C-alpha atoms as a PDB file:
ATOM      1  CA  MET A   1       0.000   0.000   0.000  1.00  0.00           C
ATOM      2  CA  THR A   2       1.352   3.431  -0.970  1.00  0.00           C
ATOM      3  CA  ALA A   3       1.004   6.431   1.336  1.00  0.00           C
ATOM      4  CA  PHE A   4       2.090  10.041   1.054  1.00  0.00           C
ATOM      5  CA  ARG A   5       3.874  12.432   3.357  1.00  0.00           C
ATOM      6  CA  ARG A   6       2.716  15.907   2.444  1.00  0.00           C
ATOM      7  CA  LYS A   7       5.658  18.285   2.679  1.00  0.00           C
ATOM      8  CA  ILE A   8       5.377  20.993   5.323  1.00  0.00           C
ATOM      9  CA  VAL A   9       7.233  24.313   5.541  1.00  0.00           C
ATOM     10  CA  ALA A  10       6.741  26.324   8.732  1.00  0.00           C
ATOM     11  CA  GLY A  11       7.931  29.860   9.368  1.00  0.00           C
ATOM     12  CA  ASN A  12       9.232  30.543  12.868  1.00  0.00           C
ATOM     13  CA  TRP A  13       9.253  34.315  13.103  1.00  0.00           C
ATOM     14  CA  LYS A  14      10.837  34.216  16.574  1.00  0.00           C
ATOM     15  CA  MET A  15      10.904  37.642  18.326  1.00  0.00           C
ATOM     16  CA  ASN A  16      10.680  39.754  15.184  1.00  0.00           C
ATOM     17  CA  LEU A  17       8.351  42.188  13.384  1.00  0.00           C
ATOM     18  CA  ASP A  18       5.707  44.567  14.667  1.00  0.00           C
ATOM     19  CA  ARG A  19       1.963  44.145  14.245  1.00  0.00           C
ATOM     20  CA  PRO A  20       1.575  45.910  10.853  1.00  0.00           C
ATOM     21  CA  LYS A  21       4.557  44.085   9.354  1.00  0.00           C
ATOM     22  CA  ALA A  22       3.368  40.740  10.743  1.00  0.00           C
ATOM     23  CA  VAL A  23      -0.064  41.195   9.173  1.00  0.00           C
ATOM     24  CA  GLU A  24       1.469  42.397   5.906  1.00  0.00           C
ATOM     25  CA  LEU A  25       3.755  39.380   5.697  1.00  0.00           C
ATOM     26  CA  ALA A  26       0.944  36.959   6.495  1.00  0.00           C
ATOM     27  CA  ALA A  27      -1.326  38.573   3.899  1.00  0.00           C
ATOM     28  CA  SER A  28       1.416  38.318   1.284  1.00  0.00           C
ATOM     29  CA  VAL A  29       1.920  34.617   1.978  1.00  0.00           C
ATOM     30  CA  VAL A  30      -1.823  34.016   1.774  1.00  0.00           C
ATOM     31  CA  ALA A  31      -2.102  35.897  -1.531  1.00  0.00           C
ATOM     32  CA  ARG A  32       0.722  33.834  -3.034  1.00  0.00           C
ATOM     33  CA  ALA A  33       0.057  30.506  -1.321  1.00  0.00           C
ATOM     34  CA  ALA A  34      -0.681  28.790  -4.635  1.00  0.00           C
ATOM     35  CA  GLU A  35       3.016  29.156  -5.473  1.00  0.00           C
ATOM     36  CA  ALA A  36       3.752  26.523  -2.824  1.00  0.00           C
ATOM     37  CA  GLY A  37       1.969  23.843  -4.825  1.00  0.00           C
ATOM     38  CA  THR A  38       1.317  20.818  -2.632  1.00  0.00           C
ATOM     39  CA  THR A  39       3.423  22.078   0.279  1.00  0.00           C
ATOM     40  CA  GLU A  40       1.571  22.810   3.519  1.00  0.00           C
ATOM     41  CA  LEU A  41       2.345  26.304   4.839  1.00  0.00           C
ATOM     42  CA  VAL A  42       2.424  27.229   8.535  1.00  0.00           C
ATOM     43  CA  LEU A  43       3.132  30.652  10.054  1.00  0.00           C
ATOM     44  CA  CYS A  44       4.254  30.915  13.688  1.00  0.00           C
ATOM     45  CA  PRO A  45       4.305  34.577  14.766  1.00  0.00           C
ATOM     46  CA  PRO A  46       5.218  35.983  18.182  1.00  0.00           C
ATOM     47  CA  ALA A  47       2.503  35.251  20.733  1.00  0.00           C
ATOM     48  CA  VAL A  48       1.275  38.851  20.893  1.00  0.00           C
ATOM     49  CA  TYR A  49       0.561  38.796  17.138  1.00  0.00           C
ATOM     50  CA  VAL A  50      -1.047  35.365  16.882  1.00  0.00           C
ATOM     51  CA  GLU A  51      -4.567  36.796  16.835  1.00  0.00           C
ATOM     52  CA  ALA A  52      -3.756  39.428  14.212  1.00  0.00           C
ATOM     53  CA  VAL A  53      -1.953  36.961  11.968  1.00  0.00           C
ATOM     54  CA  GLY A  54      -4.768  34.479  12.553  1.00  0.00           C
ATOM     55  CA  SER A  55      -7.214  36.984  11.119  1.00  0.00           C
ATOM     56  CA  ALA A  56      -4.949  37.485   8.100  1.00  0.00           C
ATOM     57  CA  VAL A  57      -4.766  33.762   7.320  1.00  0.00           C
ATOM     58  CA  ALA A  58      -8.379  32.925   8.223  1.00  0.00           C
ATOM     59  CA  LYS A  59     -10.258  30.939   5.558  1.00  0.00           C
ATOM     60  CA  SER A  60      -7.010  30.390   3.620  1.00  0.00           C
ATOM     61  CA  VAL A  61      -4.840  27.315   3.132  1.00  0.00           C
ATOM     62  CA  VAL A  62      -2.156  28.822   5.380  1.00  0.00           C
ATOM     63  CA  ALA A  63      -2.127  27.342   8.876  1.00  0.00           C
ATOM     64  CA  LEU A  64      -1.397  29.219  12.091  1.00  0.00           C
ATOM     65  CA  GLY A  65       0.985  28.060  14.799  1.00  0.00           C
ATOM     66  CA  GLY A  66       2.398  29.106  18.146  1.00  0.00           C
ATOM     67  CA  GLN A  67       6.099  29.271  18.977  1.00  0.00           C
ATOM     68  CA  ASN A  68       5.745  27.770  22.445  1.00  0.00           C
ATOM     69  CA  MET A  69       3.251  26.827  25.151  1.00  0.00           C
ATOM     70  CA  HIS A  70       3.085  25.483  28.694  1.00  0.00           C
ATOM     71  CA  ASP A  71       2.008  21.953  29.479  1.00  0.00           C
ATOM     72  CA  LYS A  72      -0.558  23.011  32.095  1.00  0.00           C
ATOM     73  CA  ALA A  73      -4.117  23.935  31.187  1.00  0.00           C
ATOM     74  CA  SER A  74      -4.202  26.941  33.548  1.00  0.00           C
ATOM     75  CA  GLY A  75      -2.690  28.246  36.744  1.00  0.00           C
ATOM     76  CA  ALA A  76      -0.143  30.582  38.280  1.00  0.00           C
ATOM     77  CA  PHE A  77       2.378  30.539  35.431  1.00  0.00           C
ATOM     78  CA  THR A  78       3.041  34.222  34.770  1.00  0.00           C
ATOM     79  CA  GLY A  79       3.873  34.971  31.156  1.00  0.00           C
ATOM     80  CA  GLU A  80       3.008  31.490  29.896  1.00  0.00           C
ATOM     81  CA  ILE A  81       0.446  30.366  27.319  1.00  0.00           C
ATOM     82  CA  ALA A  82      -1.917  27.416  27.738  1.00  0.00           C
ATOM     83  CA  PRO A  83      -2.641  25.002  24.877  1.00  0.00           C
ATOM     84  CA  ALA A  84      -6.327  25.958  24.833  1.00  0.00           C
ATOM     85  CA  MET A  85      -5.372  29.620  24.430  1.00  0.00           C
ATOM     86  CA  LEU A  86      -3.580  28.828  21.172  1.00  0.00           C
ATOM     87  CA  VAL A  87      -6.525  26.764  19.994  1.00  0.00           C
ATOM     88  CA  ASP A  88      -8.884  29.621  20.901  1.00  0.00           C
ATOM     89  CA  LEU A  89      -6.911  31.915  18.585  1.00  0.00           C
ATOM     90  CA  GLY A  90      -7.089  29.478  15.696  1.00  0.00           C
ATOM     91  CA  CYS A  91      -3.734  27.726  15.964  1.00  0.00           C
ATOM     92  CA  ARG A  92      -3.359  24.251  14.490  1.00  0.00           C
ATOM     93  CA  TYR A  93       0.352  23.842  15.206  1.00  0.00           C
ATOM     94  CA  VAL A  94       2.814  24.639  17.969  1.00  0.00           C
ATOM     95  CA  ILE A  95       6.620  24.513  17.984  1.00  0.00           C
ATOM     96  CA  LEU A  96       7.993  22.672  21.005  1.00  0.00           C
ATOM     97  CA  GLY A  97      11.533  22.101  22.252  1.00  0.00           C
ATOM     98  CA  HIS A  98      13.205  24.529  19.861  1.00  0.00           C
ATOM     99  CA  SER A  99      16.946  24.635  20.506  1.00  0.00           C
ATOM    100  CA  GLU A 100      16.643  28.211  21.755  1.00  0.00           C
ATOM    101  CA  ARG A 101      14.111  27.044  24.338  1.00  0.00           C
ATOM    102  CA  ARG A 102      16.409  24.198  25.330  1.00  0.00           C
ATOM    103  CA  THR A 103      19.687  26.129  25.459  1.00  0.00           C
ATOM    104  CA  LEU A 104      18.566  29.604  26.559  1.00  0.00           C
ATOM    105  CA  PHE A 105      15.676  28.671  28.835  1.00  0.00           C
ATOM    106  CA  GLY A 106      16.753  25.283  30.112  1.00  0.00           C
ATOM    107  CA  GLU A 107      13.883  23.195  28.769  1.00  0.00           C
ATOM    108  CA  THR A 108      14.442  19.482  29.283  1.00  0.00           C
ATOM    109  CA  ASP A 109      13.296  16.489  27.281  1.00  0.00           C
ATOM    110  CA  ALA A 110      10.853  15.713  30.104  1.00  0.00           C
ATOM    111  CA  PHE A 111       9.300  19.188  29.852  1.00  0.00           C
ATOM    112  CA  VAL A 112       9.080  18.930  26.065  1.00  0.00           C
ATOM    113  CA  ASN A 113       7.468  15.521  26.504  1.00  0.00           C
ATOM    114  CA  ALA A 114       4.825  16.951  28.854  1.00  0.00           C
ATOM    115  CA  LYS A 115       4.149  19.797  26.421  1.00  0.00           C
ATOM    116  CA  THR A 116       3.855  17.417  23.480  1.00  0.00           C
ATOM    117  CA  LYS A 117       1.259  15.318  25.248  1.00  0.00           C
ATOM    118  CA  ALA A 118      -0.645  18.450  26.312  1.00  0.00           C
ATOM    119  CA  ALA A 119      -0.610  19.819  22.769  1.00  0.00           C
ATOM    120  CA  LEU A 120      -2.030  16.611  21.348  1.00  0.00           C
ATOM    121  CA  ALA A 121      -4.692  16.483  24.051  1.00  0.00           C
ATOM    122  CA  ALA A 122      -5.743  20.008  23.062  1.00  0.00           C
ATOM    123  CA  GLY A 123      -5.959  19.112  19.391  1.00  0.00           C
ATOM    124  CA  LEU A 124      -2.755  20.865  18.333  1.00  0.00           C
ATOM    125  CA  VAL A 125      -0.108  19.354  16.090  1.00  0.00           C
ATOM    126  CA  PRO A 126       3.261  19.612  17.847  1.00  0.00           C
ATOM    127  CA  ILE A 127       6.406  20.360  15.848  1.00  0.00           C
ATOM    128  CA  VAL A 128       8.959  18.745  18.166  1.00  0.00           C
ATOM    129  CA  CYS A 129      12.516  19.996  17.653  1.00  0.00           C
ATOM    130  CA  VAL A 130      15.706  18.016  18.204  1.00  0.00           C
ATOM    131  CA  GLY A 131      19.329  18.652  17.300  1.00  0.00           C
ATOM    132  CA  GLU A 132      22.941  18.656  18.401  1.00  0.00           C
ATOM    133  CA  THR A 133      25.403  21.468  19.143  1.00  0.00           C
ATOM    134  CA  LEU A 134      28.643  21.993  17.220  1.00  0.00           C
ATOM    135  CA  GLU A 135      30.648  20.562  20.103  1.00  0.00           C
ATOM    136  CA  GLU A 136      28.482  17.450  20.169  1.00  0.00           C
ATOM    137  CA  ARG A 137      28.819  16.950  16.417  1.00  0.00           C
ATOM    138  CA  GLU A 138      32.587  17.419  16.487  1.00  0.00           C
ATOM    139  CA  ALA A 139      32.772  14.900  19.322  1.00  0.00           C
ATOM    140  CA  GLY A 140      30.943  12.353  17.152  1.00  0.00           C
ATOM    141  CA  ARG A 141      27.891  12.379  19.425  1.00  0.00           C
ATOM    142  CA  THR A 142      25.216  13.490  16.939  1.00  0.00           C
ATOM    143  CA  GLY A 143      23.422  10.147  16.879  1.00  0.00           C
ATOM    144  CA  GLU A 144      23.573   9.755  20.651  1.00  0.00           C
ATOM    145  CA  VAL A 145      22.281  13.262  21.346  1.00  0.00           C
ATOM    146  CA  VAL A 146      19.494  13.218  18.761  1.00  0.00           C
ATOM    147  CA  ALA A 147      18.382   9.732  19.799  1.00  0.00           C
ATOM    148  CA  GLY A 148      18.237  10.818  23.435  1.00  0.00           C
ATOM    149  CA  GLN A 149      16.135  13.854  22.582  1.00  0.00           C
ATOM    150  CA  VAL A 150      13.760  11.871  20.368  1.00  0.00           C
ATOM    151  CA  ARG A 151      13.250   9.158  22.968  1.00  0.00           C
ATOM    152  CA  GLY A 152      12.935  11.636  25.840  1.00  0.00           C
ATOM    153  CA  SER A 153      10.647  14.086  24.089  1.00  0.00           C
ATOM    154  CA  LEU A 154       8.298  11.361  22.834  1.00  0.00           C
ATOM    155  CA  ALA A 155       8.435   8.980  25.788  1.00  0.00           C
ATOM    156  CA  GLY A 156       5.277   7.134  26.795  1.00  0.00           C
ATOM    157  CA  MET A 157       3.267   8.109  23.742  1.00  0.00           C
ATOM    158  CA  PRO A 158       1.069   5.556  21.936  1.00  0.00           C
ATOM    159  CA  ALA A 159       1.599   4.977  18.243  1.00  0.00           C
ATOM    160  CA  GLY A 160      -1.624   6.789  17.378  1.00  0.00           C
ATOM    161  CA  ASP A 161      -0.347   9.970  18.998  1.00  0.00           C
ATOM    162  CA  LEU A 162       3.140   9.662  17.524  1.00  0.00           C
ATOM    163  CA  ALA A 163       1.557   9.494  14.078  1.00  0.00           C
ATOM    164  CA  LYS A 164       0.212  13.036  14.582  1.00  0.00           C
ATOM    165  CA  VAL A 165       3.553  14.621  15.526  1.00  0.00           C
ATOM    166  CA  VAL A 166       5.881  16.537  13.202  1.00  0.00           C
ATOM    167  CA  ILE A 167       9.593  16.301  14.016  1.00  0.00           C
ATOM    168  CA  ALA A 168      12.063  19.063  13.172  1.00  0.00           C
ATOM    169  CA  TYR A 169      15.767  18.196  13.048  1.00  0.00           C
ATOM    170  CA  GLU A 170      17.663  21.422  13.629  1.00  0.00           C
ATOM    171  CA  PRO A 171      21.423  21.140  14.159  1.00  0.00           C
ATOM    172  CA  VAL A 172      22.072  23.932  16.644  1.00  0.00           C
ATOM    173  CA  TRP A 173      25.311  24.884  14.905  1.00  0.00           C
ATOM    174  CA  ALA A 174      23.390  25.698  11.711  1.00  0.00           C
ATOM    175  CA  ILE A 175      20.679  27.929  13.187  1.00  0.00           C
ATOM    176  CA  GLY A 176      21.125  31.583  12.307  1.00  0.00           C
ATOM    177  CA  THR A 177      24.792  31.041  11.442  1.00  0.00           C
ATOM    178  CA  GLY A 178      24.517  30.822   7.682  1.00  0.00           C
ATOM    179  CA  LYS A 179      25.902  27.298   7.912  1.00  0.00           C
ATOM    180  CA  VAL A 180      23.752  24.445   6.768  1.00  0.00           C
ATOM    181  CA  ALA A 181      24.188  20.722   7.090  1.00  0.00           C
ATOM    182  CA  THR A 182      24.973  19.150   3.746  1.00  0.00           C
ATOM    183  CA  PRO A 183      22.007  17.320   2.228  1.00  0.00           C
ATOM    184  CA  GLN A 184      23.814  14.064   3.006  1.00  0.00           C
ATOM    185  CA  GLN A 185      24.409  15.028   6.661  1.00  0.00           C
ATOM    186  CA  ALA A 186      20.794  16.069   7.067  1.00  0.00           C
ATOM    187  CA  GLN A 187      19.459  12.937   5.371  1.00  0.00           C
ATOM    188  CA  GLU A 188      21.620  10.719   7.588  1.00  0.00           C
ATOM    189  CA  VAL A 189      20.093  12.183  10.756  1.00  0.00           C
ATOM    190  CA  HIS A 190      16.564  12.205   9.332  1.00  0.00           C
ATOM    191  CA  ALA A 191      16.924   8.515   8.490  1.00  0.00           C
ATOM    192  CA  LEU A 192      18.144   7.859  12.036  1.00  0.00           C
ATOM    193  CA  ILE A 193      15.125   9.686  13.447  1.00  0.00           C
ATOM    194  CA  ARG A 194      12.745   7.671  11.268  1.00  0.00           C
ATOM    195  CA  THR A 195      14.355   4.452  12.469  1.00  0.00           C
ATOM    196  CA  LEU A 196      13.919   5.587  16.079  1.00  0.00           C
ATOM    197  CA  LEU A 197      10.271   6.444  15.411  1.00  0.00           C
ATOM    198  CA  GLY A 198       9.842   2.959  14.018  1.00  0.00           C
ATOM    199  CA  GLU A 199      11.161   1.538  17.284  1.00  0.00           C
ATOM    200  CA  LEU A 200       8.869   3.780  19.351  1.00  0.00           C
ATOM    201  CA  ALA A 201       5.785   3.023  17.246  1.00  0.00           C
ATOM    202  CA  SER A 202       6.184   0.794  14.188  1.00  0.00           C
ATOM    203  CA  PRO A 203       7.928   1.090  10.815  1.00  0.00           C
ATOM    204  CA  ALA A 204       4.556   1.675   9.179  1.00  0.00           C
ATOM    205  CA  VAL A 205       3.725   4.559  11.517  1.00  0.00           C
ATOM    206  CA  ALA A 206       7.231   5.999  11.175  1.00  0.00           C
ATOM    207  CA  ALA A 207       6.943   5.943   7.391  1.00  0.00           C
ATOM    208  CA  GLY A 208       4.074   8.418   7.599  1.00  0.00           C
ATOM    209  CA  ILE A 209       5.577  10.872  10.119  1.00  0.00           C
ATOM    210  CA  ARG A 210       6.864  14.111   8.641  1.00  0.00           C
ATOM    211  CA  ILE A 211      10.405  15.185   9.570  1.00  0.00           C
ATOM    212  CA  GLN A 212      11.463  18.737   8.756  1.00  0.00           C
ATOM    213  CA  TYR A 213      14.964  20.151   8.506  1.00  0.00           C
ATOM    214  CA  GLY A 214      15.767  23.448  10.212  1.00  0.00           C
ATOM    215  CA  GLY A 215      19.003  25.386  10.107  1.00  0.00           C
ATOM    216  CA  SER A 216      19.706  28.335   7.777  1.00  0.00           C
ATOM    217  CA  VAL A 217      17.367  27.008   5.082  1.00  0.00           C
ATOM    218  CA  LYS A 218      17.139  29.353   2.104  1.00  0.00           C
ATOM    219  CA  PRO A 219      15.682  29.147  -1.403  1.00  0.00           C
ATOM    220  CA  ASP A 220      19.112  28.387  -2.862  1.00  0.00           C
ATOM    221  CA  ASN A 221      19.743  25.319  -0.699  1.00  0.00           C
ATOM    222  CA  ALA A 222      16.182  24.057  -0.239  1.00  0.00           C
ATOM    223  CA  ALA A 223      16.038  22.124  -3.507  1.00  0.00           C
ATOM    224  CA  ASP A 224      19.007  19.945  -2.583  1.00  0.00           C
ATOM    225  CA  LEU A 225      17.423  19.187   0.786  1.00  0.00           C
ATOM    226  CA  ALA A 226      13.999  18.539  -0.747  1.00  0.00           C
ATOM    227  CA  VAL A 227      15.167  15.619  -2.877  1.00  0.00           C
ATOM    228  CA  GLN A 228      16.413  13.659   0.134  1.00  0.00           C
ATOM    229  CA  PRO A 229      14.056  10.737   0.840  1.00  0.00           C
ATOM    230  CA  ASP A 230      13.530  11.410   4.555  1.00  0.00           C
ATOM    231  CA  ILE A 231      13.380  15.237   4.537  1.00  0.00           C
ATOM    232  CA  ASP A 232       9.726  16.274   4.448  1.00  0.00           C
ATOM    233  CA  GLY A 233       9.969  20.047   4.646  1.00  0.00           C
ATOM    234  CA  ALA A 234      11.628  22.811   6.586  1.00  0.00           C
ATOM    235  CA  LEU A 235      11.313  24.787   9.790  1.00  0.00           C
ATOM    236  CA  VAL A 236      12.434  28.198   8.589  1.00  0.00           C
ATOM    237  CA  GLY A 237      13.758  31.042  10.742  1.00  0.00           C
ATOM    238  CA  GLY A 238      15.214  34.177   9.180  1.00  0.00           C
ATOM    239  CA  ALA A 239      14.135  33.353   5.639  1.00  0.00           C
ATOM    240  CA  SER A 240      10.505  33.158   6.763  1.00  0.00           C
ATOM    241  CA  LEU A 241      10.501  36.913   7.405  1.00  0.00           C
ATOM    242  CA  LYS A 242      10.409  37.589   3.661  1.00  0.00           C
ATOM    243  CA  ALA A 243       7.546  36.211   1.581  1.00  0.00           C
ATOM    244  CA  ASP A 244       9.771  35.702  -1.468  1.00  0.00           C
ATOM    245  CA  ASP A 245      12.266  33.582   0.462  1.00  0.00           C
ATOM    246  CA  PHE A 246       9.653  31.636   2.416  1.00  0.00           C
ATOM    247  CA  LEU A 247       7.633  30.771  -0.670  1.00  0.00           C
ATOM    248  CA  GLY A 248      10.794  29.979  -2.605  1.00  0.00           C
ATOM    249  CA  ILE A 249      11.609  27.332  -0.006  1.00  0.00           C
ATOM    250  CA  ALA A 250       8.046  26.029  -0.113  1.00  0.00           C
ATOM    251  CA  ARG A 251       8.209  25.690  -3.896  1.00  0.00           C
ATOM    252  CA  ALA A 252      11.329  23.533  -3.562  1.00  0.00           C
ATOM    253  CA  PHE A 253       9.314  21.105  -1.438  1.00  0.00           C
ATOM    254  CA  GLY A 254       6.358  21.156  -3.787  1.00  0.00           C
ATOM    255  CA  GLN A 255       5.823  17.440  -4.322  1.00  0.00           C
ATOM    256  CA  PRO A 256       4.874  14.864  -1.665  1.00  0.00           C
ATOM    257  CA  ALA A 257       7.193  11.966  -0.907  1.00  0.00           C
ATOM    258  CA  THR A 258       5.854   8.528  -1.715  1.00  0.00           C
ATOM    259  CA  VAL A 259       6.382   5.887   0.950  1.00  0.00           C
ATOM    260  CA  THR A 260       5.420   2.228   1.069  1.00  0.00           C
END
């Protein structure tokens, strides 16, 4: 039986833009969404602009996502965002465990795991990020580190829930540095992740899970990444702040991968 993994390109705007520019960018992506072909488009603005961007993408093919959330439904967590709050604003996706959350804010695999389960329970699709630092790669520990993050972040989840998750492999050394893993390096880690997912669920389930690459993805390197068999899209940072660049990346991923 043949199945398809629809490619997915998500823009992580991080802590950038103001409200008018956020709405303008979202409107531009919506107006040109057909350029992406079969690629699913997701925009993840700063939390304070989620509602405004949500209005701009409403009734379009462009999906809305949050950049982070807490695992608790409510409570005394000043400055945090509950899963239901994102859903209330129209979000379908949420980025969890981004390397900046892990390295700058001390988020652990256990915390990412709790968030992932909470997101799924709320009806959100989690984009769970994993990836190694430069020091870890140079020490030959890429496989060990990524495997630990995958197993820890997805621990205790039934196969049916794992099937709903999107994974983003983002080598920390390639984020915002202009460096990018070679297509072969990226494919090697993506294949490892898919094997791990097969162990956590089943090979059949793993074959249908989408795995994005993140790390200085641009229109001029996206095509080489897109042809790799286990790379199903991109989690885009800086290049997502310009509609031309974001849609250029999406066009490179314009055809779904066939899996058996």
